[in-house]
Structure formats: structure tokens, C-alpha cells
Amino acid sequence: MDNSNNLHIDADFEGGSAGDIQCDKDGVVEIGPKQEQIPTWFFEALDVHFGGAGVPLEYACHVRVANDAQEPQEVHLRFRFTTTGGVGYMAPPYWILRHGRWWPIAATDTDFVEGSHVDLTLRLETGELVHVANKPYVHGDDVLDEMETLANHGPFTIRELGRSAGDRPIVALESTGFRYDDTILIGATMQPAEPAARPVLAIAHWLTDGSALSQRLLERFRFAFVPMPNPDGTADGRSCTNGVAEVPMFSFGRLLAGEQAPAETRALWEYSADLRPLSYLEFHTHYQDVRTHKLNPMAAQWYAGNDDRQELLARVDAALLAINSDWRVTPIERATPMCDASKFANLADRFGTLSYCYQIYTITEEATCAHAVHVARTLATALAGPEWEAEAPPPNVTRG
């Protein structure tokens, strides 16, 4: 959209997410949500189990704003919210990509009307181009570049798991150099509106810090990272679907039942089946502080008859719960609606994997990454066990 003030606003770029864009009589640029279709089977399942709710839709927004005027100008944007369940995920802050990084827009420039819209005020310099979004989204190419850097300078290798319908690579980063008996698989959610690539890769960065703990953990476990499991959905500005209106995150049960399933689902399941991970940790990130962190662990009933695995589950659960003083925790049980649609239950049921869904609620990218590292460190140390911790050798100290 171009207006008479030489202002250009669009979402025609990789990662852009917007519906109709128009300027009202008061000069406010109104931006609608990008509509998202879901498969009929999924809609019917939500209607049966959650009364039509359960999974949010259309809660991504991301536009590009360019000031082509010969002078600075103030810009007023209004993001209108979806009428679906995604409306509950639109709390501030909103974000502006400026000078090469995302910054939260100040509260004084944000007028949030719950359930309806948010008004944002921007001040753009002459010729300035910025991006504005509800989350600090990351471009798929940047994720791949970061993985390449880690592989070039750390104990990692890159493995292509498959290709999306849009022919984008679905890739994993794996630690190498030791003989591994156990694997920890760490992934971002397949819901692009909860972008977790950066915190997932932050854990890989932490493992290269040269500390005694990270080195010992690299020797004890294979770490496998999947930071962008739904690259088409990310590129297309979707919230929970891929580029062809499928729901990869909730199609694992269909895949295992021999039904048609998304390419992303197949790639992730085949990789998981090859690894048979001891533990799977999935991050959902919100860049908000309106709720406490949330954990979905597996109920002990998934490991019935395996006393060792139940003991390990209890130890890891206790370690993770000690991270935060306030929590929202809901175990995934066999009776949990639609649990068989997800990775979590199927990994637990078929391989005895300790699966965890962890939702981070903190604002900045730095805090989100730091929290993810804390969670992964706690998980891995608890999996290794107290005897392993006690076997840590004394430091080798030389004069320098």
C-alpha cells in the first residue's frame, strides 16, 4: 500500500504476514490478519474435543514500512486481530526491526485494545525502512547461516532431514566426535507464530563455551537440534500451518496410521525414529510476560512397567520444576484429547522418550535464549544423574 505521504507498507516478502492493508480517513493504516485455512479433519477434531478452540490461528503479523518522503514522519499502524482463538495471543510488546535487530516498541507508543486491535506509533527518518511485527521473527536463511557457522566452528554437523512442499530444506544440527549411547533432541515448535529458532540454537552456542560442564555433556550425550521444522510456514507468515494449509505439528498420528501427512511431519518423525532420543525438548516462545512459563511433561503412565524410566522421569521433572517459582504445568496423559496427534505422546509410547513441551514467557530475545539454555542445562544434567555429576574431575590449573 502507498499513500499520499510517500509511505509504503507491504507484506510481500519472505516472512511477511498480513491481510488487507488500507488507510482510513484519519491517516491510520489498518492491517488485517492473514487468513489461515486448516484441514477439515483438524477442524472437526477441534470441534469435538475443544468446542472449536484449542489451537490458535492467524496470530502472526509482520509488515515492512518504508518512508519515501523527503522528511521524517510519524506513522500510525493498527493491527486488527483475528476472530479465532489466536486473538488471545496478541498481547504486547510489538517489535520493530531497525539497525539490524529487533527492538520492543515502547509502551508509550502502543495502545493495546484486548480482543480487537493494537495501535502503534512509529517515527521514521527520511528514507528509513523498518519491519514491524508481533514477534521478533527470524528469516530462514539466517537460521541456516547460523547453523553453518556452528558446524564450521564447533563440534557439529548439519544433516538434511527432507524437503518441504515448497522445496525448502528441513535440517538438523548434531553434535559429533564421541560414541553416543543417548540422544537429547531439542526442537522449535512447528507453529511459526511462536518462533523458537534462536533459543534452540542458543543452546548449541552454549555447548561451545569451553566450560567443564558443557564439555562433559558433549561427551555424555549426542545433542540434536531442529530450529526450523516448518520452513514453509515461517516463510509464508503462517501461525500453525505450512505452505499448503496442513498442520505438521498435529499430523504425527495420521502419519503413523498410514494416512497422508505433511512432508515436515514425515521428516521429523523419521529422524526421531532413527535417533530414538532419550529425551525430547520442544520450545514455544512468546516474547511476552503476561503469563508464567508453562510445562507439559509426560505422565508416568506412559512408562508403565519400566521402573528405571519412571525413576528417571521423576528426577528430571523435579529438576525442571525447580527452575521457576511460579508455573503452569499440565502433564500429557493418555486421556489428554488429541495427544496421539503429537510428537510428544508417540515418542513416549514407542521409544520411551521423556518428552517435554516448554513455553517461555519472557520479553527479550536475550532473556528467552538465556532461559532456554538454563532449561537445557537442567534437563541434560538431570538425565546424566547425580553420580555422573559427582564424577567431575578437578580442574587442570596452569599458571598463565
Protein backbone atom coordinates (compact mmCIF):
# COMPACT_ATOMS: atom_id res chain seq x y z
CA MET A 1 0.00 0.00 0.00
CA ASP A 2 1.22 3.51 -0.87
CA ASN A 3 -0.42 6.63 0.50
CA SER A 4 -0.21 10.31 -0.33
CA ASN A 5 2.51 10.82 2.32
CA ASN A 6 5.00 8.67 0.37
CA LEU A 7 4.62 5.86 2.85
CA HIS A 8 4.89 2.30 1.54
CA ILE A 9 3.60 -0.63 3.61
CA ASP A 10 3.52 -4.25 2.45
CA ALA A 11 3.93 -7.88 3.49
CA ASP A 12 5.24 -9.12 0.14
CA PHE A 13 8.48 -10.62 1.44
CA GLU A 14 9.57 -13.90 2.99
CA GLY A 15 8.10 -14.00 6.48
CA GLY A 16 5.54 -11.25 5.80
CA SER A 17 2.14 -11.77 7.37
CA ALA A 18 -0.85 -9.51 6.72
CA GLY A 19 -4.28 -9.50 5.14
CA ASP A 20 -5.81 -6.35 3.70
CA ILE A 21 -3.92 -3.08 4.23
CA GLN A 22 -5.73 0.24 3.90
CA CYS A 23 -5.54 3.79 5.20
CA ASP A 24 -8.56 5.31 6.96
CA LYS A 25 -9.68 8.93 6.81
CA ASP A 26 -7.63 9.81 9.90
CA GLY A 27 -4.41 8.56 8.36
CA VAL A 28 -4.26 5.34 10.40
CA VAL A 29 -3.01 2.38 8.36
CA GLU A 30 -5.19 -0.60 9.20
CA ILE A 31 -3.75 -4.09 8.71
CA GLY A 32 -5.88 -7.21 8.86
CA PRO A 33 -4.67 -10.69 9.83
CA LYS A 34 -3.52 -13.11 7.17
CA GLN A 35 -6.26 -15.70 6.83
CA GLU A 36 -5.29 -19.28 7.61
CA GLN A 37 -7.11 -22.39 6.49
CA ILE A 38 -6.82 -25.70 8.32
CA PRO A 39 -7.72 -29.20 7.10
CA THR A 40 -11.29 -30.38 7.56
CA TRP A 41 -10.24 -33.32 9.72
CA PHE A 42 -8.40 -30.99 12.08
CA PHE A 43 -11.27 -28.53 12.31
CA GLU A 44 -13.65 -31.37 13.13
CA ALA A 45 -11.27 -32.75 15.77
CA LEU A 46 -11.02 -29.35 17.44
CA ASP A 47 -14.79 -29.02 17.38
CA VAL A 48 -15.23 -32.40 19.05
CA HIS A 49 -12.54 -32.04 21.71
CA PHE A 50 -12.30 -28.29 22.35
CA GLY A 51 -15.55 -26.79 21.16
CA GLY A 52 -13.82 -25.27 18.14
CA ALA A 53 -10.94 -23.87 20.17
CA GLY A 54 -7.71 -25.46 21.29
CA VAL A 55 -5.22 -24.33 18.65
CA PRO A 56 -4.88 -20.63 17.80
CA LEU A 57 -4.94 -19.39 14.21
CA GLU A 58 -3.90 -16.16 12.50
CA TYR A 59 -1.84 -14.72 15.35
CA ALA A 60 1.15 -13.62 13.29
CA CYS A 61 1.55 -10.12 11.88
CA HIS A 62 4.62 -8.77 10.10
CA VAL A 63 4.86 -5.86 7.65
CA ARG A 64 7.53 -3.72 6.02
CA VAL A 65 7.24 0.07 6.32
CA ALA A 66 9.24 2.50 4.17
CA ASN A 67 9.27 6.28 4.47
CA ASP A 68 9.91 7.54 0.93
CA ALA A 69 9.18 11.16 1.87
CA GLN A 70 11.84 13.85 1.88
CA GLU A 71 11.38 14.41 5.60
CA PRO A 72 10.85 12.39 8.79
CA GLN A 73 7.27 11.44 9.52
CA GLU A 74 5.13 9.87 12.21
CA VAL A 75 3.31 6.71 11.20
CA HIS A 76 0.23 5.21 12.84
CA LEU A 77 -0.39 1.49 12.33
CA ARG A 78 -3.36 -0.54 13.52
CA PHE A 79 -3.12 -4.32 13.52
CA ARG A 80 -6.63 -5.76 13.65
CA PHE A 81 -6.86 -9.10 15.42
CA THR A 82 -8.30 -12.38 14.24
CA THR A 83 -11.70 -13.56 15.42
CA THR A 84 -10.26 -17.05 16.02
CA GLY A 85 -8.62 -18.33 19.20
CA GLY A 86 -5.42 -16.63 18.11
CA VAL A 87 -6.80 -13.35 19.49
CA GLY A 88 -5.67 -14.44 22.95
CA TYR A 89 -2.01 -14.40 21.88
CA MET A 90 -1.73 -10.77 20.74
CA ALA A 91 -0.58 -9.02 23.94
CA PRO A 92 2.30 -6.51 23.68
CA PRO A 93 5.08 -5.80 23.20
CA TYR A 94 5.22 -5.37 19.45
CA TRP A 95 8.53 -5.19 17.66
CA ILE A 96 10.43 -3.03 15.19
CA LEU A 97 13.39 -4.27 13.14
CA ARG A 98 15.77 -1.33 13.00
CA HIS A 99 19.56 -1.07 12.63
CA GLY A 100 19.82 -4.81 12.03
CA ARG A 101 17.99 -6.10 15.11
CA TRP A 102 14.55 -6.30 16.68
CA TRP A 103 13.55 -3.85 19.43
CA PRO A 104 10.35 -3.88 21.50
CA ILE A 105 8.17 -0.87 20.74
CA ALA A 106 7.77 1.35 23.79
CA ALA A 107 4.59 1.09 25.84
CA THR A 108 4.03 4.83 25.29
CA ASP A 109 3.76 4.14 21.54
CA THR A 110 1.46 1.12 21.99
CA ASP A 111 -2.30 1.25 22.54
CA PHE A 112 -3.50 -2.32 23.02
CA VAL A 113 -7.24 -2.99 22.94
CA GLU A 114 -7.68 -6.57 24.07
CA GLY A 115 -9.68 -8.71 21.69
CA SER A 116 -9.79 -6.04 18.99
CA HIS A 117 -6.59 -4.36 17.80
CA VAL A 118 -3.35 -2.61 18.69
CA ASP A 119 -2.36 0.91 17.61
CA LEU A 120 1.36 1.58 17.15
CA THR A 121 3.10 4.91 16.62
CA LEU A 122 6.37 4.92 14.66
CA ARG A 123 8.73 7.78 13.91
CA LEU A 124 10.66 7.16 10.73
CA GLU A 125 13.60 9.10 9.41
CA THR A 126 13.83 10.21 5.78
CA GLY A 127 14.24 7.15 3.58
CA GLU A 128 14.09 4.75 6.52
CA LEU A 129 12.77 1.20 6.06
CA VAL A 130 11.76 -0.92 9.04
CA HIS A 131 9.85 -4.11 9.76
CA VAL A 132 7.07 -4.19 12.36
CA ALA A 133 5.71 -7.42 13.86
CA ASN A 134 4.20 -9.02 16.94
CA LYS A 135 7.29 -11.20 17.48
CA PRO A 136 10.99 -10.89 16.62
CA TYR A 137 10.75 -13.20 13.63
CA VAL A 138 13.87 -14.64 12.03
CA HIS A 139 14.47 -15.28 8.34
CA GLY A 140 15.04 -18.90 7.35
CA ASP A 141 18.29 -18.07 5.56
CA ASP A 142 19.65 -16.50 8.75
CA VAL A 143 18.90 -19.71 10.65
CA LEU A 144 20.73 -21.78 8.04
CA ASP A 145 23.69 -19.37 8.11
CA GLU A 146 23.87 -19.64 11.89
CA MET A 147 23.82 -23.44 11.68
CA GLU A 148 26.62 -23.33 9.10
CA THR A 149 28.68 -21.15 11.43
CA LEU A 150 28.18 -23.57 14.31
CA ALA A 151 29.14 -26.50 12.08
CA ASN A 152 32.26 -24.69 10.86
CA HIS A 153 33.48 -23.65 14.29
CA GLY A 154 32.03 -26.18 16.72
CA PRO A 155 31.66 -29.91 17.24
CA PHE A 156 28.61 -30.11 14.98
CA THR A 157 27.49 -31.38 11.61
CA ILE A 158 24.42 -30.48 9.55
CA ARG A 159 22.02 -33.17 8.39
CA GLU A 160 19.22 -32.62 5.88
CA LEU A 161 16.10 -34.47 7.01
CA GLY A 162 13.93 -33.78 3.98
CA ARG A 163 12.37 -31.06 1.87
CA SER A 164 9.16 -29.16 2.42
CA ALA A 165 6.39 -28.86 -0.17
CA GLY A 166 8.00 -25.57 -1.15
CA ASP A 167 11.35 -27.37 -1.59
CA ARG A 168 12.95 -25.74 1.43
CA PRO A 169 15.39 -27.88 3.42
CA ILE A 170 14.39 -29.26 6.82
CA VAL A 171 17.70 -29.56 8.63
CA ALA A 172 19.18 -30.66 11.94
CA LEU A 173 22.40 -29.74 13.71
CA GLU A 174 24.06 -32.66 15.51
CA SER A 175 26.97 -32.82 17.91
CA THR A 176 29.79 -35.12 16.81
CA GLY A 177 33.11 -36.54 17.98
CA PHE A 178 32.10 -39.15 20.55
CA ARG A 179 30.39 -42.52 20.73
CA TYR A 180 26.89 -41.82 21.99
CA ASP A 181 24.52 -44.13 23.81
CA ASP A 182 21.87 -41.46 24.46
CA THR A 183 20.49 -38.55 22.45
CA ILE A 184 18.77 -35.35 23.54
CA LEU A 185 16.64 -33.94 20.73
CA ILE A 186 15.79 -30.23 21.04
CA GLY A 187 13.42 -28.57 18.61
CA ALA A 188 11.42 -25.46 17.91
CA THR A 189 7.68 -25.74 17.66
CA MET A 190 6.20 -26.30 14.21
CA GLN A 191 3.92 -23.29 14.86
CA PRO A 192 5.75 -20.37 13.16
CA ALA A 193 4.00 -17.67 15.20
CA GLU A 194 5.93 -18.88 18.26
CA PRO A 195 9.42 -18.51 16.73
CA ALA A 196 11.97 -20.54 18.68
CA ALA A 197 14.89 -20.97 16.26
CA ARG A 198 17.15 -18.51 18.07
CA PRO A 199 16.74 -20.00 21.58
CA VAL A 200 17.19 -23.54 20.20
CA LEU A 201 20.46 -22.53 18.55
CA ALA A 202 21.48 -20.60 21.68
CA ILE A 203 21.80 -23.98 23.38
CA ALA A 204 24.18 -25.15 20.66
CA HIS A 205 26.21 -21.97 21.12
CA TRP A 206 26.35 -22.59 24.88
CA LEU A 207 27.75 -26.08 24.29
CA THR A 208 30.77 -24.47 22.60
CA ASP A 209 31.65 -22.22 25.56
CA GLY A 210 34.56 -24.39 26.69
CA SER A 211 33.27 -24.88 30.22
CA ALA A 212 33.79 -28.14 32.09
CA LEU A 213 30.05 -28.83 32.20
CA SER A 214 29.36 -28.28 28.52
CA GLN A 215 32.37 -30.37 27.52
CA ARG A 216 31.31 -33.26 29.74
CA LEU A 217 27.74 -33.07 28.43
CA LEU A 218 29.00 -33.18 24.84
CA GLU A 219 30.87 -36.35 25.74
CA ARG A 220 27.87 -37.88 27.52
CA PHE A 221 25.07 -37.11 25.02
CA ARG A 222 24.51 -36.58 21.35
CA PHE A 223 22.67 -33.26 21.06
CA ALA A 224 20.43 -32.84 18.02
CA PHE A 225 18.77 -29.51 17.19
CA VAL A 226 15.92 -28.78 14.76
CA PRO A 227 15.47 -24.99 14.92
CA MET A 228 13.08 -24.53 11.96
CA PRO A 229 10.94 -27.63 11.44
CA ASN A 230 8.28 -25.79 9.38
CA PRO A 231 10.25 -23.59 6.96
CA ASP A 232 7.36 -23.01 4.54
CA GLY A 233 5.03 -21.86 7.31
CA THR A 234 7.72 -19.46 8.52
CA ALA A 235 8.37 -18.10 5.03
CA ASP A 236 4.65 -17.70 4.34
CA GLY A 237 3.90 -15.87 7.60
CA ARG A 238 1.61 -18.58 8.97
CA SER A 239 0.70 -19.32 12.56
CA CYS A 240 0.21 -23.09 12.76
CA THR A 241 0.08 -24.34 9.15
CA ASN A 242 2.69 -24.97 6.49
CA GLY A 243 2.64 -23.56 2.95
CA VAL A 244 -0.16 -25.86 1.76
CA ALA A 245 -2.69 -25.49 4.61
CA GLU A 246 -1.57 -28.58 6.54
CA VAL A 247 -0.87 -28.77 10.29
CA PRO A 248 2.51 -30.53 10.67
CA MET A 249 2.56 -30.36 14.46
CA PHE A 250 -0.67 -32.33 14.77
CA SER A 251 -0.25 -34.87 11.98
CA PHE A 252 2.02 -37.46 13.59
CA GLY A 253 -0.86 -39.75 14.48
CA ARG A 254 -2.11 -39.64 10.90
CA LEU A 255 1.36 -40.44 9.59
CA LEU A 256 1.72 -43.43 11.89
CA ALA A 257 -1.76 -44.63 10.91
CA GLY A 258 -0.66 -44.73 7.28
CA GLU A 259 -2.65 -41.67 6.23
CA GLN A 260 -1.46 -38.75 4.15
CA ALA A 261 0.72 -36.41 6.22
CA PRO A 262 2.80 -33.26 5.67
CA ALA A 263 6.38 -33.55 4.45
CA GLU A 264 7.55 -31.78 7.60
CA THR A 265 5.82 -34.33 9.84
CA ARG A 266 7.34 -37.24 7.95
CA ALA A 267 10.85 -35.77 8.02
CA LEU A 268 10.71 -35.10 11.77
CA TRP A 269 9.27 -38.50 12.63
CA GLU A 270 11.74 -40.46 10.52
CA TYR A 271 14.59 -38.52 12.10
CA SER A 272 13.23 -39.12 15.59
CA ALA A 273 12.76 -42.82 14.88
CA ASP A 274 16.37 -43.02 13.73
CA LEU A 275 17.65 -41.26 16.87
CA ARG A 276 15.24 -42.88 19.38
CA PRO A 277 16.03 -40.00 21.76
CA LEU A 278 16.25 -40.44 25.49
CA SER A 279 14.58 -37.04 25.81
CA TYR A 280 12.81 -34.58 23.52
CA LEU A 281 12.51 -30.91 24.47
CA GLU A 282 10.37 -28.57 22.37
CA PHE A 283 10.29 -24.81 22.86
CA HIS A 284 7.40 -22.44 22.18
CA THR A 285 8.38 -18.79 22.63
CA HIS A 286 6.02 -15.86 23.14
CA TYR A 287 8.17 -12.77 23.88
CA GLN A 288 5.58 -11.62 26.41
CA ASP A 289 5.36 -11.61 30.19
CA VAL A 290 1.58 -11.76 30.55
CA ARG A 291 1.70 -15.39 31.71
CA THR A 292 4.08 -17.61 33.65
CA HIS A 293 6.21 -20.21 31.91
CA LYS A 294 4.36 -23.40 31.03
CA LEU A 295 5.49 -27.03 31.06
CA ASN A 296 3.79 -30.10 29.62
CA PRO A 297 5.67 -33.18 30.87
CA MET A 298 4.63 -36.75 30.17
CA ALA A 299 2.57 -38.54 32.80
CA ALA A 300 4.25 -41.54 34.43
CA GLN A 301 1.63 -43.88 32.93
CA TRP A 302 3.42 -43.68 29.56
CA TYR A 303 6.30 -45.64 31.10
CA ALA A 304 4.27 -48.25 32.98
CA GLY A 305 6.32 -51.37 33.68
CA ASN A 306 9.64 -49.56 33.24
CA ASP A 307 10.74 -48.67 36.76
CA ASP A 308 14.06 -47.21 35.63
CA ARG A 309 12.37 -44.86 33.18
CA GLN A 310 9.79 -43.78 35.74
CA GLU A 311 12.57 -43.04 38.23
CA LEU A 312 14.41 -41.01 35.61
CA LEU A 313 11.19 -39.14 34.76
CA ALA A 314 10.66 -38.22 38.41
CA ARG A 315 14.23 -36.94 38.72
CA VAL A 316 14.09 -34.83 35.58
CA ASP A 317 10.63 -33.47 36.36
CA ALA A 318 11.80 -32.38 39.82
CA ALA A 319 14.87 -30.66 38.37
CA LEU A 320 12.85 -28.78 35.76
CA LEU A 321 10.16 -27.71 38.24
CA ALA A 322 12.86 -26.21 40.46
CA ILE A 323 13.75 -23.70 37.71
CA ASN A 324 10.79 -21.38 38.30
CA SER A 325 8.95 -20.26 41.41
CA ASP A 326 5.64 -19.89 39.53
CA TRP A 327 4.44 -22.32 36.91
CA ARG A 328 1.63 -23.56 34.75
CA VAL A 329 2.06 -27.33 34.49
CA THR A 330 -0.25 -29.82 32.77
CA PRO A 331 1.02 -33.38 32.27
CA ILE A 332 0.20 -35.09 28.99
CA GLU A 333 -1.82 -38.19 29.87
CA ARG A 334 -3.18 -40.99 27.72
CA ALA A 335 -6.62 -39.42 28.15
CA THR A 336 -5.46 -35.96 27.01
CA PRO A 337 -7.53 -35.02 23.95
CA MET A 338 -5.68 -35.46 20.65
CA CYS A 339 -2.43 -36.43 22.39
CA ASP A 340 -1.90 -39.15 19.79
CA ALA A 341 -1.66 -36.43 17.12
CA SER A 342 1.59 -35.05 18.55
CA LYS A 343 5.27 -36.00 18.67
CA PHE A 344 5.30 -36.00 22.46
CA ALA A 345 2.97 -38.93 23.07
CA ASN A 346 4.18 -41.00 20.13
CA LEU A 347 7.83 -40.63 21.13
CA ALA A 348 7.00 -41.63 24.70
CA ASP A 349 4.81 -44.53 23.64
CA ARG A 350 7.13 -46.03 21.02
CA PHE A 351 10.61 -45.25 22.31
CA GLY A 352 10.19 -44.41 26.00
CA THR A 353 11.32 -40.85 25.27
CA LEU A 354 10.96 -38.31 28.09
CA SER A 355 9.13 -35.61 26.09
CA TYR A 356 8.63 -32.03 27.25
CA CYS A 357 6.78 -29.08 25.77
CA TYR A 358 8.17 -25.87 27.29
CA GLN A 359 6.58 -22.46 26.68
CA ILE A 360 8.80 -19.49 27.51
CA TYR A 361 7.18 -16.21 28.54
CA THR A 362 9.83 -13.52 28.75
CA ILE A 363 10.26 -10.46 26.58
CA THR A 364 13.69 -10.00 25.05
CA GLU A 365 15.48 -12.36 22.69
CA GLU A 366 18.44 -12.40 25.06
CA ALA A 367 16.34 -13.41 28.07
CA THR A 368 14.50 -16.03 26.03
CA CYS A 369 17.77 -17.55 24.83
CA ALA A 370 19.24 -17.49 28.34
CA HIS A 371 16.17 -19.23 29.73
CA ALA A 372 16.30 -21.90 27.03
CA VAL A 373 19.94 -22.59 27.90
CA HIS A 374 19.03 -22.85 31.58
CA VAL A 375 16.29 -25.35 30.79
CA ALA A 376 18.50 -27.47 28.52
CA ARG A 377 21.36 -27.47 31.03
CA THR A 378 18.99 -28.53 33.81
CA LEU A 379 17.44 -31.26 31.67
CA ALA A 380 20.76 -32.71 30.50
CA THR A 381 22.35 -32.64 33.95
CA ALA A 382 19.33 -34.37 35.49
CA LEU A 383 19.36 -37.02 32.76
CA ALA A 384 23.06 -37.67 33.40
CA GLY A 385 22.34 -38.11 37.09
CA PRO A 386 23.95 -37.27 40.43
CA GLU A 387 26.62 -39.97 40.17
CA TRP A 388 27.74 -38.54 36.84
CA GLU A 389 27.89 -35.07 38.38
CA ALA A 390 29.97 -36.37 41.29
CA GLU A 391 32.49 -37.89 38.88
CA ALA A 392 33.53 -34.48 37.52
CA PRO A 393 37.32 -34.34 37.57
CA PRO A 394 39.11 -31.47 39.32
CA PRO A 395 40.12 -28.59 37.07
CA ASN A 396 43.55 -28.61 35.47
CA VAL A 397 45.04 -25.27 36.51
CA THR A 398 48.21 -23.89 34.95
CA ARG A 399 49.96 -20.64 35.56
CA GLY A 400 49.19 -18.02 32.93
